[in-house]
């Protein structure tokens, strides 16, 4: 969820700053017509965020076991060491 929130936030900031998302989406094969250009910043950022899903998947798959192991560790009641 964290990577998705970061991705969407970056897309929103980019769209809000004036990045031509239509041209970027056209480069990866997503056609944008004049009807699509009238939607708001949120919708354009969401479309860009969804188009970037293939970029987000590999880090998500790679980091999920690491984060799961890290969050699954508990403190030992005796020594304060981390236990699996």
Protein backbone atom coordinates (compact mmCIF):
# COMPACT_ATOMS: atom_id res chain seq x y z
CA UNK A 1 0.00 0.00 0.00
CA UNK A 2 2.85 2.36 0.80
CA UNK A 3 4.36 2.14 -2.68
CA UNK A 4 0.94 2.77 -4.23
CA UNK A 5 0.38 5.84 -2.05
CA UNK A 6 3.82 7.18 -2.93
CA UNK A 7 3.27 6.45 -6.63
CA UNK A 8 -0.12 8.16 -6.71
CA UNK A 9 1.20 11.14 -4.75
CA UNK A 10 4.10 11.58 -7.16
CA UNK A 11 1.74 11.32 -10.14
CA UNK A 12 -0.59 13.90 -8.61
CA UNK A 13 2.28 16.29 -7.90
CA UNK A 14 3.59 15.85 -11.45
CA UNK A 15 0.17 16.50 -13.01
CA UNK A 16 -0.44 19.45 -10.73
CA UNK A 17 2.96 20.88 -11.67
CA UNK A 18 2.02 20.80 -15.35
CA UNK A 19 3.73 17.67 -16.66
CA UNK A 20 2.17 16.68 -20.00
CA UNK A 21 0.79 13.31 -18.96
CA UNK A 22 -1.04 12.91 -22.28
CA UNK A 23 2.27 12.88 -24.14
CA UNK A 24 3.84 10.48 -21.66
CA UNK A 25 0.90 8.08 -21.86
CA UNK A 26 0.97 8.27 -25.66
CA UNK A 27 4.63 7.17 -25.59
CA UNK A 28 3.67 3.93 -23.82
CA UNK A 29 0.74 3.26 -26.12
CA UNK A 30 -2.21 4.72 -24.23
CA UNK A 31 -4.15 7.01 -26.53
CA UNK A 32 -5.61 10.18 -25.06
CA UNK A 33 -8.34 12.06 -26.90
CA UNK A 34 -9.77 15.52 -26.31
CA UNK A 35 -12.58 14.12 -24.16
CA UNK A 36 -10.01 12.67 -21.73
CA UNK A 37 -8.13 15.96 -21.45
CA UNK A 38 -11.09 17.67 -19.76
CA UNK A 39 -10.99 15.52 -16.62
CA UNK A 40 -9.53 16.82 -13.40
CA UNK A 41 -6.07 16.55 -11.93
CA UNK A 42 -7.08 13.66 -9.68
CA UNK A 43 -8.39 11.57 -12.56
CA UNK A 44 -5.33 12.20 -14.72
CA UNK A 45 -3.03 11.37 -11.81
CA UNK A 46 -5.00 8.18 -11.18
CA UNK A 47 -4.69 7.15 -14.83
CA UNK A 48 -0.94 7.79 -14.76
CA UNK A 49 -0.66 5.87 -11.48
CA UNK A 50 -2.47 2.89 -13.00
CA UNK A 51 -0.30 3.04 -16.13
CA UNK A 52 2.76 2.76 -13.87
CA UNK A 53 1.51 -0.45 -12.21
CA UNK A 54 4.02 -2.67 -14.07
CA UNK A 55 6.79 -0.50 -12.65
CA UNK A 56 5.48 -0.86 -9.08
CA UNK A 57 4.96 -4.63 -9.12
CA UNK A 58 8.61 -5.83 -9.04
CA UNK A 59 9.60 -3.72 -5.99
CA UNK A 60 6.38 -4.75 -4.24
CA UNK A 61 7.08 -8.44 -4.81
CA UNK A 62 10.71 -8.04 -3.76
CA UNK A 63 10.00 -5.99 -0.62
CA UNK A 64 6.94 -7.83 0.72
CA UNK A 65 8.88 -10.75 2.30
CA UNK A 66 11.41 -8.34 3.83
CA UNK A 67 8.71 -6.14 5.36
CA UNK A 68 6.69 -9.16 6.51
CA UNK A 69 9.74 -10.60 8.27
CA UNK A 70 10.59 -7.24 9.81
CA UNK A 71 7.06 -6.64 11.11
CA UNK A 72 6.75 -10.24 12.29
CA UNK A 73 9.70 -10.02 14.64
CA UNK A 74 8.91 -9.75 18.34
CA UNK A 75 11.01 -8.72 21.31
CA UNK A 76 12.09 -11.48 23.61
CA UNK A 77 10.81 -11.08 27.15
CA UNK A 78 14.23 -11.98 28.61
CA UNK A 79 17.05 -10.42 26.70
CA UNK A 80 15.40 -7.80 24.59
CA UNK A 81 16.74 -9.52 21.48
CA UNK A 82 14.59 -9.85 18.40
CA UNK A 83 13.17 -13.32 17.79
CA UNK A 84 11.57 -14.85 14.70
